[in-house]
């Protein structure tokens, strides 16, 4: 029986088996010793022989263990005598001790969190704006505190850059067009146009692998959006489409979009104004691509260095899709 109550019957057998296994481990030391020696040799690079066993003598370790067992037995035997005093001390601690301060602080933090949640506007645009505002402030503060002499260079526009410039303009116009539609189908199609135009930009930049990945991802997401829209009830979509946005909130979204675009432009301009390094870590990694049994560096990064991360992302998306499919199958749309 534990202080919190009786031990569940399902735990008695595993606990007893674990105790018996620990006892036998001290009598039959061969398997554990070989395992520990192998681990030590792998860690230190040299043989690490050990000789574990029970030693029944009067060494300090054994005396301390026996004293601990004896003291524990005395405490259990004298439990009726000291339990009321411990209970009174526990009640006093609940009233005057750190637990009360902890509970008060936790309740205060919960109230602050609830106040922030009530203050935050509950649509997706406002959540994005709540990230853009502090991010923009930090970027502006960094630009203001950093010497900018020679950081922003105005270069020329060669004839070979015209196709890339045209596609960048198309991507920018597609991003602006994504803010106009109110119906979900048009919005999904316009967002796909943004992704496909960026894929063409990647191709002009000399990254065909990245362009192919962008096309694949954009196609999958377009099909995903269309499938979700087909599964949702029509009245729910019409209600969301007909919902009017507050004029003040629309003005706020416009201002935030312009500020975010200007900040991003300044950052990209400063980065591209710096000359490219002649020797970088990326060059070394690209040269070592065959050592990873890959034909290009993108495949090596996705399959080897970010393999587990990519698998985790795919798992999260798969679980989200399964949950969404389950909810839609049961008719739960709210």
C-alpha atoms as a PDB file:
ATOM      1  CA  UNK A   1       0.000   0.000   0.000  1.00  0.00           C
ATOM      2  CA  UNK A   2       1.371   3.427  -1.012  1.00  0.00           C
ATOM      3  CA  UNK A   3       0.690   6.751   0.793  1.00  0.00           C
ATOM      4  CA  UNK A   4      -1.732   7.678  -1.998  1.00  0.00           C
ATOM      5  CA  UNK A   5      -3.718   4.473  -1.596  1.00  0.00           C
ATOM      6  CA  UNK A   6      -3.512   0.766  -2.416  1.00  0.00           C
ATOM      7  CA  UNK A   7      -1.191  -0.273  -5.235  1.00  0.00           C
ATOM      8  CA  UNK A   8      -3.174  -1.458  -8.279  1.00  0.00           C
ATOM      9  CA  UNK A   9      -3.150  -5.213  -8.684  1.00  0.00           C
ATOM     10  CA  UNK A  10      -1.912  -4.879 -12.257  1.00  0.00           C
ATOM     11  CA  UNK A  11       1.326  -3.289 -10.995  1.00  0.00           C
ATOM     12  CA  UNK A  12       2.146  -5.840  -8.317  1.00  0.00           C
ATOM     13  CA  UNK A  13       3.447  -8.529 -10.663  1.00  0.00           C
ATOM     14  CA  UNK A  14       5.621  -6.211 -12.830  1.00  0.00           C
ATOM     15  CA  UNK A  15       7.142  -4.557  -9.749  1.00  0.00           C
ATOM     16  CA  UNK A  16       7.871  -7.928  -8.163  1.00  0.00           C
ATOM     17  CA  UNK A  17       9.398  -9.223 -11.400  1.00  0.00           C
ATOM     18  CA  UNK A  18      11.581  -6.117 -11.676  1.00  0.00           C
ATOM     19  CA  UNK A  19      12.809  -6.557  -8.097  1.00  0.00           C
ATOM     20  CA  UNK A  20      13.565 -10.230  -8.692  1.00  0.00           C
ATOM     21  CA  UNK A  21      15.408  -9.404 -11.905  1.00  0.00           C
ATOM     22  CA  UNK A  22      17.513  -6.814 -10.081  1.00  0.00           C
ATOM     23  CA  UNK A  23      18.364  -9.356  -7.387  1.00  0.00           C
ATOM     24  CA  UNK A  24      19.337 -12.019  -9.920  1.00  0.00           C
ATOM     25  CA  UNK A  25      21.446  -9.471 -11.786  1.00  0.00           C
ATOM     26  CA  UNK A  26      23.766  -9.287  -8.807  1.00  0.00           C
ATOM     27  CA  UNK A  27      24.093 -13.075  -8.612  1.00  0.00           C
ATOM     28  CA  UNK A  28      24.448 -13.809 -12.342  1.00  0.00           C
ATOM     29  CA  UNK A  29      26.683 -10.912 -13.374  1.00  0.00           C
ATOM     30  CA  UNK A  30      27.968 -12.227 -16.705  1.00  0.00           C
ATOM     31  CA  UNK A  31      25.421 -10.696 -19.145  1.00  0.00           C
ATOM     32  CA  UNK A  32      25.379  -7.287 -17.470  1.00  0.00           C
ATOM     33  CA  UNK A  33      29.170  -7.237 -17.173  1.00  0.00           C
ATOM     34  CA  UNK A  34      29.691  -8.014 -20.859  1.00  0.00           C
ATOM     35  CA  UNK A  35      27.167  -5.352 -21.848  1.00  0.00           C
ATOM     36  CA  UNK A  36      28.820  -2.729 -19.628  1.00  0.00           C
ATOM     37  CA  UNK A  37      32.307  -3.649 -20.867  1.00  0.00           C
ATOM     38  CA  UNK A  38      31.194  -3.323 -24.501  1.00  0.00           C
ATOM     39  CA  UNK A  39      29.594   0.064 -23.839  1.00  0.00           C
ATOM     40  CA  UNK A  40      32.698   1.265 -22.012  1.00  0.00           C
ATOM     41  CA  UNK A  41      34.995   0.102 -24.790  1.00  0.00           C
ATOM     42  CA  UNK A  42      32.865   1.851 -27.400  1.00  0.00           C
ATOM     43  CA  UNK A  43      32.875   5.090 -25.389  1.00  0.00           C
ATOM     44  CA  UNK A  44      36.511   5.221 -24.319  1.00  0.00           C
ATOM     45  CA  UNK A  45      38.082   3.367 -27.229  1.00  0.00           C
ATOM     46  CA  UNK A  46      39.909   0.984 -24.893  1.00  0.00           C
ATOM     47  CA  UNK A  47      39.021  -2.176 -22.930  1.00  0.00           C
ATOM     48  CA  UNK A  48      37.179  -1.403 -19.692  1.00  0.00           C
ATOM     49  CA  UNK A  49      37.025  -4.590 -17.606  1.00  0.00           C
ATOM     50  CA  UNK A  50      34.619  -4.565 -14.671  1.00  0.00           C
ATOM     51  CA  UNK A  51      33.912  -7.141 -11.945  1.00  0.00           C
ATOM     52  CA  UNK A  52      30.402  -6.597 -10.529  1.00  0.00           C
ATOM     53  CA  UNK A  53      29.135  -8.911  -7.768  1.00  0.00           C
ATOM     54  CA  UNK A  54      27.609  -8.928  -4.315  1.00  0.00           C
ATOM     55  CA  UNK A  55      30.210  -8.537  -1.579  1.00  0.00           C
ATOM     56  CA  UNK A  56      28.942  -9.764   1.800  1.00  0.00           C
ATOM     57  CA  UNK A  57      31.415  -8.072   4.118  1.00  0.00           C
ATOM     58  CA  UNK A  58      31.659  -5.043   6.423  1.00  0.00           C
ATOM     59  CA  UNK A  59      32.655  -2.467   3.816  1.00  0.00           C
ATOM     60  CA  UNK A  60      31.143   1.046   4.196  1.00  0.00           C
ATOM     61  CA  UNK A  61      28.750   0.607   1.277  1.00  0.00           C
ATOM     62  CA  UNK A  62      27.162  -2.484   2.805  1.00  0.00           C
ATOM     63  CA  UNK A  63      26.929  -0.860   6.233  1.00  0.00           C
ATOM     64  CA  UNK A  64      25.186   2.178   4.741  1.00  0.00           C
ATOM     65  CA  UNK A  65      22.727  -0.072   2.906  1.00  0.00           C
ATOM     66  CA  UNK A  66      21.957  -2.061   6.070  1.00  0.00           C
ATOM     67  CA  UNK A  67      21.528   1.150   8.063  1.00  0.00           C
ATOM     68  CA  UNK A  68      19.116   2.472   5.419  1.00  0.00           C
ATOM     69  CA  UNK A  69      17.052  -0.717   5.545  1.00  0.00           C
ATOM     70  CA  UNK A  70      16.989  -0.632   9.353  1.00  0.00           C
ATOM     71  CA  UNK A  71      15.983   3.024   9.486  1.00  0.00           C
ATOM     72  CA  UNK A  72      13.245   2.439   6.912  1.00  0.00           C
ATOM     73  CA  UNK A  73      11.905  -0.473   8.940  1.00  0.00           C
ATOM     74  CA  UNK A  74      11.849   1.634  12.122  1.00  0.00           C
ATOM     75  CA  UNK A  75      10.005   4.419  10.323  1.00  0.00           C
ATOM     76  CA  UNK A  76       7.383   1.992   9.036  1.00  0.00           C
ATOM     77  CA  UNK A  77       6.980   0.408  12.465  1.00  0.00           C
ATOM     78  CA  UNK A  78       6.614   3.798  14.184  1.00  0.00           C
ATOM     79  CA  UNK A  79       4.223   5.171  11.578  1.00  0.00           C
ATOM     80  CA  UNK A  80       1.233   5.533  13.968  1.00  0.00           C
ATOM     81  CA  UNK A  81       3.365   7.728  16.219  1.00  0.00           C
ATOM     82  CA  UNK A  82       4.672  10.242  13.669  1.00  0.00           C
ATOM     83  CA  UNK A  83       1.871  10.283  11.092  1.00  0.00           C
ATOM     84  CA  UNK A  84      -0.366  12.841  12.947  1.00  0.00           C
ATOM     85  CA  UNK A  85       2.561  15.259  13.303  1.00  0.00           C
ATOM     86  CA  UNK A  86       3.440  14.932   9.614  1.00  0.00           C
ATOM     87  CA  UNK A  87      -0.207  15.489   8.619  1.00  0.00           C
ATOM     88  CA  UNK A  88      -0.376  18.633  10.774  1.00  0.00           C
ATOM     89  CA  UNK A  89       2.864  19.907   9.228  1.00  0.00           C
ATOM     90  CA  UNK A  90       1.451  19.231   5.748  1.00  0.00           C
ATOM     91  CA  UNK A  91      -1.716  21.216   6.536  1.00  0.00           C
ATOM     92  CA  UNK A  92       0.395  24.077   7.855  1.00  0.00           C
ATOM     93  CA  UNK A  93       2.462  23.990   4.669  1.00  0.00           C
ATOM     94  CA  UNK A  94      -0.688  24.206   2.534  1.00  0.00           C
ATOM     95  CA  UNK A  95      -1.731  27.372   4.392  1.00  0.00           C
ATOM     96  CA  UNK A  96       1.610  29.133   4.832  1.00  0.00           C
ATOM     97  CA  UNK A  97       4.136  27.238   2.725  1.00  0.00           C
ATOM     98  CA  UNK A  98       5.337  27.605  -0.862  1.00  0.00           C
ATOM     99  CA  UNK A  99       2.462  25.513  -2.233  1.00  0.00           C
ATOM    100  CA  UNK A 100       0.000  28.326  -1.566  1.00  0.00           C
ATOM    101  CA  UNK A 101       2.249  30.849  -3.325  1.00  0.00           C
ATOM    102  CA  UNK A 102       2.631  28.426  -6.236  1.00  0.00           C
ATOM    103  CA  UNK A 103      -1.124  27.992  -6.575  1.00  0.00           C
ATOM    104  CA  UNK A 104      -1.686  31.742  -6.392  1.00  0.00           C
ATOM    105  CA  UNK A 105       0.951  32.404  -9.057  1.00  0.00           C
ATOM    106  CA  UNK A 106      -0.505  29.678 -11.270  1.00  0.00           C
ATOM    107  CA  UNK A 107      -4.003  31.129 -10.932  1.00  0.00           C
ATOM    108  CA  UNK A 108      -2.655  34.587 -11.793  1.00  0.00           C
ATOM    109  CA  UNK A 109      -0.909  33.273 -14.896  1.00  0.00           C
ATOM    110  CA  UNK A 110      -4.125  31.548 -15.966  1.00  0.00           C
ATOM    111  CA  UNK A 111      -6.012  34.835 -15.619  1.00  0.00           C
ATOM    112  CA  UNK A 112      -3.382  36.647 -17.680  1.00  0.00           C
ATOM    113  CA  UNK A 113      -3.533  33.927 -20.339  1.00  0.00           C
ATOM    114  CA  UNK A 114      -7.336  34.152 -20.465  1.00  0.00           C
ATOM    115  CA  UNK A 115      -7.151  37.938 -20.803  1.00  0.00           C
ATOM    116  CA  UNK A 116      -4.696  37.653 -23.698  1.00  0.00           C
ATOM    117  CA  UNK A 117      -6.916  35.051 -25.346  1.00  0.00           C
ATOM    118  CA  UNK A 118      -9.964  37.318 -25.029  1.00  0.00           C
ATOM    119  CA  UNK A 119      -8.024  40.293 -26.397  1.00  0.00           C
ATOM    120  CA  UNK A 120      -6.700  38.370 -29.398  1.00  0.00           C
ATOM    121  CA  UNK A 121      -8.981  38.502 -32.410  1.00  0.00           C
ATOM    122  CA  UNK A 122     -10.028  34.987 -33.280  1.00  0.00           C
ATOM    123  CA  UNK A 123      -9.489  34.845 -37.049  1.00  0.00           C
ATOM    124  CA  UNK A 124      -6.387  33.590 -38.829  1.00  0.00           C
ATOM    125  CA  UNK A 125      -5.389  36.989 -40.224  1.00  0.00           C
ATOM    126  CA  UNK A 126      -5.236  38.486 -36.756  1.00  0.00           C
ATOM    127  CA  UNK A 127      -3.097  35.614 -35.506  1.00  0.00           C
ATOM    128  CA  UNK A 128      -0.692  36.205 -38.391  1.00  0.00           C
ATOM    129  CA  UNK A 129      -0.714  39.927 -37.640  1.00  0.00           C
ATOM    130  CA  UNK A 130       0.155  39.189 -34.023  1.00  0.00           C
ATOM    131  CA  UNK A 131       3.345  37.532 -35.314  1.00  0.00           C
ATOM    132  CA  UNK A 132       4.148  40.111 -38.001  1.00  0.00           C
ATOM    133  CA  UNK A 133       3.992  43.123 -35.691  1.00  0.00           C
ATOM    134  CA  UNK A 134       6.667  42.065 -33.154  1.00  0.00           C
ATOM    135  CA  UNK A 135       8.714  40.477 -35.958  1.00  0.00           C
ATOM    136  CA  UNK A 136       8.664  43.709 -37.952  1.00  0.00           C
ATOM    137  CA  UNK A 137       9.588  45.736 -34.875  1.00  0.00           C
ATOM    138  CA  UNK A 138      12.582  43.487 -34.198  1.00  0.00           C
ATOM    139  CA  UNK A 139      13.756  43.685 -37.825  1.00  0.00           C
ATOM    140  CA  UNK A 140      13.434  47.478 -37.888  1.00  0.00           C
ATOM    141  CA  UNK A 141      15.341  47.736 -34.597  1.00  0.00           C
ATOM    142  CA  UNK A 142      18.096  45.475 -35.980  1.00  0.00           C
ATOM    143  CA  UNK A 143      18.386  47.536 -39.183  1.00  0.00           C
ATOM    144  CA  UNK A 144      18.467  50.773 -37.192  1.00  0.00           C
ATOM    145  CA  UNK A 145      21.174  49.488 -34.833  1.00  0.00           C
ATOM    146  CA  UNK A 146      23.379  47.993 -37.569  1.00  0.00           C
ATOM    147  CA  UNK A 147      25.782  50.108 -39.655  1.00  0.00           C
ATOM    148  CA  UNK A 148      24.350  50.198 -43.160  1.00  0.00           C
ATOM    149  CA  UNK A 149      27.237  51.770 -45.050  1.00  0.00           C
ATOM    150  CA  UNK A 150      27.673  49.771 -48.233  1.00  0.00           C
ATOM    151  CA  UNK A 151      24.934  47.338 -47.189  1.00  0.00           C
ATOM    152  CA  UNK A 152      22.426  48.448 -49.843  1.00  0.00           C
ATOM    153  CA  UNK A 153      23.806  48.478 -53.375  1.00  0.00           C
ATOM    154  CA  UNK A 154      21.782  49.266 -56.494  1.00  0.00           C
ATOM    155  CA  UNK A 155      22.904  46.980 -59.284  1.00  0.00           C
ATOM    156  CA  UNK A 156      22.131  46.840 -62.955  1.00  0.00           C
ATOM    157  CA  UNK A 157      19.531  44.770 -64.794  1.00  0.00           C
ATOM    158  CA  UNK A 158      20.976  42.715 -67.611  1.00  0.00           C
ATOM    159  CA  UNK A 159      19.018  41.264 -70.491  1.00  0.00           C
ATOM    160  CA  UNK A 160      19.415  37.734 -69.131  1.00  0.00           C
ATOM    161  CA  UNK A 161      17.638  38.807 -65.923  1.00  0.00           C
ATOM    162  CA  UNK A 162      14.412  39.841 -67.670  1.00  0.00           C
ATOM    163  CA  UNK A 163      12.720  36.359 -67.554  1.00  0.00           C
ATOM    164  CA  UNK A 164      13.551  36.001 -63.852  1.00  0.00           C
ATOM    165  CA  UNK A 165      12.333  39.533 -63.145  1.00  0.00           C
ATOM    166  CA  UNK A 166       9.106  38.833 -65.027  1.00  0.00           C
ATOM    167  CA  UNK A 167       8.424  35.673 -63.012  1.00  0.00           C
ATOM    168  CA  UNK A 168       9.167  37.489 -59.744  1.00  0.00           C
ATOM    169  CA  UNK A 169       6.643  40.119 -60.772  1.00  0.00           C
ATOM    170  CA  UNK A 170       4.121  37.374 -61.577  1.00  0.00           C
ATOM    171  CA  UNK A 171       4.685  35.778 -58.156  1.00  0.00           C
ATOM    172  CA  UNK A 172       4.234  39.159 -56.461  1.00  0.00           C
ATOM    173  CA  UNK A 173       1.025  39.865 -58.381  1.00  0.00           C
ATOM    174  CA  UNK A 174      -0.281  36.377 -57.558  1.00  0.00           C
ATOM    175  CA  UNK A 175       0.417  36.998 -53.865  1.00  0.00           C
ATOM    176  CA  UNK A 176      -1.484  40.288 -54.042  1.00  0.00           C
ATOM    177  CA  UNK A 177      -4.323  38.598 -55.942  1.00  0.00           C
ATOM    178  CA  UNK A 178      -4.639  36.043 -53.127  1.00  0.00           C
ATOM    179  CA  UNK A 179      -5.913  38.814 -50.857  1.00  0.00           C
ATOM    180  CA  UNK A 180      -8.866  39.646 -53.134  1.00  0.00           C
ATOM    181  CA  UNK A 181     -11.107  36.508 -53.446  1.00  0.00           C
ATOM    182  CA  UNK A 182     -13.735  35.788 -50.820  1.00  0.00           C
ATOM    183  CA  UNK A 183     -14.929  32.385 -52.027  1.00  0.00           C
ATOM    184  CA  UNK A 184     -12.812  29.427 -51.028  1.00  0.00           C
ATOM    185  CA  UNK A 185     -12.407  27.850 -54.471  1.00  0.00           C
ATOM    186  CA  UNK A 186     -10.971  31.019 -56.043  1.00  0.00           C
ATOM    187  CA  UNK A 187      -8.671  31.504 -53.061  1.00  0.00           C
ATOM    188  CA  UNK A 188      -7.309  27.940 -53.333  1.00  0.00           C
ATOM    189  CA  UNK A 189      -6.652  28.344 -57.062  1.00  0.00           C
ATOM    190  CA  UNK A 190      -4.923  31.710 -56.633  1.00  0.00           C
ATOM    191  CA  UNK A 191      -2.719  30.334 -53.847  1.00  0.00           C
ATOM    192  CA  UNK A 192      -1.701  27.516 -56.166  1.00  0.00           C
ATOM    193  CA  UNK A 193      -0.725  30.127 -58.741  1.00  0.00           C
ATOM    194  CA  UNK A 194       1.634  31.689 -56.192  1.00  0.00           C
ATOM    195  CA  UNK A 195       3.347  28.356 -55.566  1.00  0.00           C
ATOM    196  CA  UNK A 196       3.693  27.425 -59.234  1.00  0.00           C
ATOM    197  CA  UNK A 197       5.117  30.846 -60.144  1.00  0.00           C
ATOM    198  CA  UNK A 198       7.713  30.464 -57.375  1.00  0.00           C
ATOM    199  CA  UNK A 199       8.608  27.041 -58.793  1.00  0.00           C
ATOM    200  CA  UNK A 200       9.436  28.751 -62.109  1.00  0.00           C
ATOM    201  CA  UNK A 201      11.565  31.276 -60.203  1.00  0.00           C
ATOM    202  CA  UNK A 202      13.513  28.415 -58.593  1.00  0.00           C
ATOM    203  CA  UNK A 203      14.111  26.947 -62.047  1.00  0.00           C
ATOM    204  CA  UNK A 204      15.495  30.263 -63.322  1.00  0.00           C
ATOM    205  CA  UNK A 205      17.767  30.421 -60.267  1.00  0.00           C
ATOM    206  CA  UNK A 206      19.321  27.118 -61.313  1.00  0.00           C
ATOM    207  CA  UNK A 207      17.588  24.868 -58.794  1.00  0.00           C
ATOM    208  CA  UNK A 208      15.555  22.391 -60.841  1.00  0.00           C
ATOM    209  CA  UNK A 209      15.343  19.942 -57.924  1.00  0.00           C
ATOM    210  CA  UNK A 210      13.814  22.576 -55.684  1.00  0.00           C
ATOM    211  CA  UNK A 211      11.467  23.592 -58.524  1.00  0.00           C
ATOM    212  CA  UNK A 212      10.256  19.989 -58.940  1.00  0.00           C
ATOM    213  CA  UNK A 213       9.700  19.660 -55.179  1.00  0.00           C
ATOM    214  CA  UNK A 214       7.743  22.945 -55.207  1.00  0.00           C
ATOM    215  CA  UNK A 215       5.564  21.730 -58.085  1.00  0.00           C
ATOM    216  CA  UNK A 216       4.880  18.432 -56.318  1.00  0.00           C
ATOM    217  CA  UNK A 217       4.038  20.070 -52.993  1.00  0.00           C
ATOM    218  CA  UNK A 218       1.864  22.728 -54.623  1.00  0.00           C
ATOM    219  CA  UNK A 219      -0.040  20.107 -56.604  1.00  0.00           C
ATOM    220  CA  UNK A 220      -0.649  17.993 -53.494  1.00  0.00           C
ATOM    221  CA  UNK A 221      -1.818  20.996 -51.484  1.00  0.00           C
ATOM    222  CA  UNK A 222      -4.109  22.137 -54.291  1.00  0.00           C
ATOM    223  CA  UNK A 223      -5.706  18.677 -54.402  1.00  0.00           C
ATOM    224  CA  UNK A 224      -5.902  18.674 -50.600  1.00  0.00           C
ATOM    225  CA  UNK A 225      -7.675  22.041 -50.516  1.00  0.00           C
ATOM    226  CA  UNK A 226     -10.079  20.999 -53.253  1.00  0.00           C
ATOM    227  CA  UNK A 227     -10.817  17.724 -51.455  1.00  0.00           C
ATOM    228  CA  UNK A 228     -11.498  19.470 -48.159  1.00  0.00           C
ATOM    229  CA  UNK A 229     -13.757  22.024 -49.864  1.00  0.00           C
ATOM    230  CA  UNK A 230     -15.658  19.201 -51.566  1.00  0.00           C
ATOM    231  CA  UNK A 231     -16.150  17.453 -48.215  1.00  0.00           C
ATOM    232  CA  UNK A 232     -17.369  20.520 -46.296  1.00  0.00           C
ATOM    233  CA  UNK A 233     -21.105  21.332 -46.300  1.00  0.00           C
ATOM    234  CA  UNK A 234     -22.124  23.961 -48.829  1.00  0.00           C
ATOM    235  CA  UNK A 235     -24.097  26.058 -46.321  1.00  0.00           C
ATOM    236  CA  UNK A 236     -21.066  26.297 -44.076  1.00  0.00           C
ATOM    237  CA  UNK A 237     -18.893  27.537 -46.965  1.00  0.00           C
ATOM    238  CA  UNK A 238     -21.538  30.029 -48.083  1.00  0.00           C
ATOM    239  CA  UNK A 239     -21.846  31.367 -44.543  1.00  0.00           C
ATOM    240  CA  UNK A 240     -18.095  31.850 -44.255  1.00  0.00           C
ATOM    241  CA  UNK A 241     -17.910  33.479 -47.696  1.00  0.00           C
ATOM    242  CA  UNK A 242     -20.709  35.916 -46.965  1.00  0.00           C
ATOM    243  CA  UNK A 243     -19.216  37.043 -43.679  1.00  0.00           C
ATOM    244  CA  UNK A 244     -18.138  40.673 -43.987  1.00  0.00           C
ATOM    245  CA  UNK A 245     -14.866  41.887 -42.574  1.00  0.00           C
ATOM    246  CA  UNK A 246     -14.854  44.875 -40.265  1.00  0.00           C
ATOM    247  CA  UNK A 247     -13.661  48.011 -42.107  1.00  0.00           C
ATOM    248  CA  UNK A 248     -11.143  48.888 -39.401  1.00  0.00           C
ATOM    249  CA  UNK A 249      -9.767  45.372 -39.474  1.00  0.00           C
ATOM    250  CA  UNK A 250      -9.473  45.464 -43.275  1.00  0.00           C
ATOM    251  CA  UNK A 251      -7.540  48.754 -43.038  1.00  0.00           C
ATOM    252  CA  UNK A 252      -5.315  47.200 -40.401  1.00  0.00           C
ATOM    253  CA  UNK A 253      -4.587  44.184 -42.605  1.00  0.00           C
ATOM    254  CA  UNK A 254      -3.606  46.482 -45.493  1.00  0.00           C
ATOM    255  CA  UNK A 255      -1.221  48.497 -43.345  1.00  0.00           C
ATOM    256  CA  UNK A 256       0.336  45.386 -41.853  1.00  0.00           C
ATOM    257  CA  UNK A 257       0.786  43.843 -45.297  1.00  0.00           C
ATOM    258  CA  UNK A 258       2.544  46.953 -46.609  1.00  0.00           C
ATOM    259  CA  UNK A 259       4.800  47.159 -43.541  1.00  0.00           C
ATOM    260  CA  UNK A 260       5.675  43.460 -43.764  1.00  0.00           C
ATOM    261  CA  UNK A 261       6.454  43.773 -47.482  1.00  0.00           C
ATOM    262  CA  UNK A 262       8.712  46.804 -46.947  1.00  0.00           C
ATOM    263  CA  UNK A 263      10.583  45.107 -44.096  1.00  0.00           C
ATOM    264  CA  UNK A 264      11.081  41.940 -46.149  1.00  0.00           C
ATOM    265  CA  UNK A 265      12.290  44.008 -49.112  1.00  0.00           C
ATOM    266  CA  UNK A 266      14.861  45.819 -46.956  1.00  0.00           C
ATOM    267  CA  UNK A 267      16.164  42.556 -45.502  1.00  0.00           C
ATOM    268  CA  UNK A 268      16.432  40.828 -48.892  1.00  0.00           C
ATOM    269  CA  UNK A 269      18.066  43.894 -50.435  1.00  0.00           C
ATOM    270  CA  UNK A 270      20.693  43.977 -47.697  1.00  0.00           C
ATOM    271  CA  UNK A 271      21.414  40.255 -48.022  1.00  0.00           C
ATOM    272  CA  UNK A 272      21.722  40.294 -51.815  1.00  0.00           C
ATOM    273  CA  UNK A 273      23.940  43.394 -51.743  1.00  0.00           C
ATOM    274  CA  UNK A 274      26.724  41.463 -50.046  1.00  0.00           C
ATOM    275  CA  UNK A 275      29.157  39.633 -52.330  1.00  0.00           C
ATOM    276  CA  UNK A 276      28.945  35.873 -52.264  1.00  0.00           C
ATOM    277  CA  UNK A 277      31.680  34.110 -50.318  1.00  0.00           C
ATOM    278  CA  UNK A 278      34.262  32.334 -52.442  1.00  0.00           C
ATOM    279  CA  UNK A 279      34.576  29.391 -50.057  1.00  0.00           C
ATOM    280  CA  UNK A 280      31.655  28.332 -47.884  1.00  0.00           C
ATOM    281  CA  UNK A 281      30.534  25.311 -45.927  1.00  0.00           C
ATOM    282  CA  UNK A 282      27.857  24.755 -48.577  1.00  0.00           C
ATOM    283  CA  UNK A 283      30.570  24.250 -51.202  1.00  0.00           C
ATOM    284  CA  UNK A 284      32.216  21.575 -49.070  1.00  0.00           C
ATOM    285  CA  UNK A 285      28.896  19.856 -48.426  1.00  0.00           C
ATOM    286  CA  UNK A 286      28.103  19.864 -52.141  1.00  0.00           C
ATOM    287  CA  UNK A 287      31.453  18.250 -52.912  1.00  0.00           C
ATOM    288  CA  UNK A 288      30.767  15.557 -50.283  1.00  0.00           C
ATOM    289  CA  UNK A 289      27.398  14.642 -51.794  1.00  0.00           C
ATOM    290  CA  UNK A 290      28.652  11.354 -53.356  1.00  0.00           C
ATOM    291  CA  UNK A 291      29.832  10.257 -49.897  1.00  0.00           C
ATOM    292  CA  UNK A 292      26.167  10.265 -48.804  1.00  0.00           C
ATOM    293  CA  UNK A 293      25.279   7.978 -51.760  1.00  0.00           C
ATOM    294  CA  UNK A 294      23.157  10.729 -53.333  1.00  0.00           C
ATOM    295  CA  UNK A 295      23.196  12.168 -56.834  1.00  0.00           C
ATOM    296  CA  UNK A 296      22.586  15.778 -55.728  1.00  0.00           C
ATOM    297  CA  UNK A 297      22.891  17.824 -52.556  1.00  0.00           C
ATOM    298  CA  UNK A 298      19.121  18.400 -52.215  1.00  0.00           C
ATOM    299  CA  UNK A 299      18.469  14.657 -52.064  1.00  0.00           C
ATOM    300  CA  UNK A 300      21.298  14.191 -49.570  1.00  0.00           C
ATOM    301  CA  UNK A 301      19.896  16.877 -47.276  1.00  0.00           C
ATOM    302  CA  UNK A 302      16.295  15.657 -47.434  1.00  0.00           C
ATOM    303  CA  UNK A 303      17.063  11.938 -47.208  1.00  0.00           C
ATOM    304  CA  UNK A 304      20.033  11.934 -44.798  1.00  0.00           C
ATOM    305  CA  UNK A 305      20.527  15.090 -42.756  1.00  0.00           C
ATOM    306  CA  UNK A 306      16.822  15.962 -42.513  1.00  0.00           C
ATOM    307  CA  UNK A 307      15.471  12.453 -42.922  1.00  0.00           C
ATOM    308  CA  UNK A 308      13.982  12.153 -39.440  1.00  0.00           C
ATOM    309  CA  UNK A 309      12.672  15.728 -39.570  1.00  0.00           C
ATOM    310  CA  UNK A 310      11.010  15.070 -42.914  1.00  0.00           C
ATOM    311  CA  UNK A 311       9.498  11.838 -41.604  1.00  0.00           C
ATOM    312  CA  UNK A 312       8.141  13.736 -38.592  1.00  0.00           C
ATOM    313  CA  UNK A 313       6.575  16.400 -40.787  1.00  0.00           C
ATOM    314  CA  UNK A 314       4.947  13.765 -42.994  1.00  0.00           C
ATOM    315  CA  UNK A 315       3.656  11.982 -39.872  1.00  0.00           C
ATOM    316  CA  UNK A 316       2.112  15.193 -38.507  1.00  0.00           C
ATOM    317  CA  UNK A 317       0.401  15.921 -41.834  1.00  0.00           C
ATOM    318  CA  UNK A 318      -0.861  12.341 -42.049  1.00  0.00           C
ATOM    319  CA  UNK A 319      -2.286  12.419 -38.503  1.00  0.00           C
ATOM    320  CA  UNK A 320      -3.947  15.776 -39.191  1.00  0.00           C
ATOM    321  CA  UNK A 321      -5.533  14.400 -42.363  1.00  0.00           C
ATOM    322  CA  UNK A 322      -6.781  11.297 -40.535  1.00  0.00           C
ATOM    323  CA  UNK A 323      -8.295  13.443 -37.792  1.00  0.00           C
ATOM    324  CA  UNK A 324      -9.906  15.769 -40.329  1.00  0.00           C
ATOM    325  CA  UNK A 325     -11.303  12.834 -42.285  1.00  0.00           C
ATOM    326  CA  UNK A 326     -12.734  11.319 -39.087  1.00  0.00           C
ATOM    327  CA  UNK A 327     -14.421  14.561 -38.049  1.00  0.00           C
ATOM    328  CA  UNK A 328     -15.868  15.189 -41.490  1.00  0.00           C
ATOM    329  CA  UNK A 329     -17.078  11.603 -41.692  1.00  0.00           C
ATOM    330  CA  UNK A 330     -19.035  12.098 -38.470  1.00  0.00           C
ATOM    331  CA  UNK A 331     -20.514  15.373 -39.648  1.00  0.00           C
ATOM    332  CA  UNK A 332     -18.622  17.498 -37.074  1.00  0.00           C
ATOM    333  CA  UNK A 333     -17.814  20.747 -38.881  1.00  0.00           C
ATOM    334  CA  UNK A 334     -17.778  23.116 -35.922  1.00  0.00           C
END
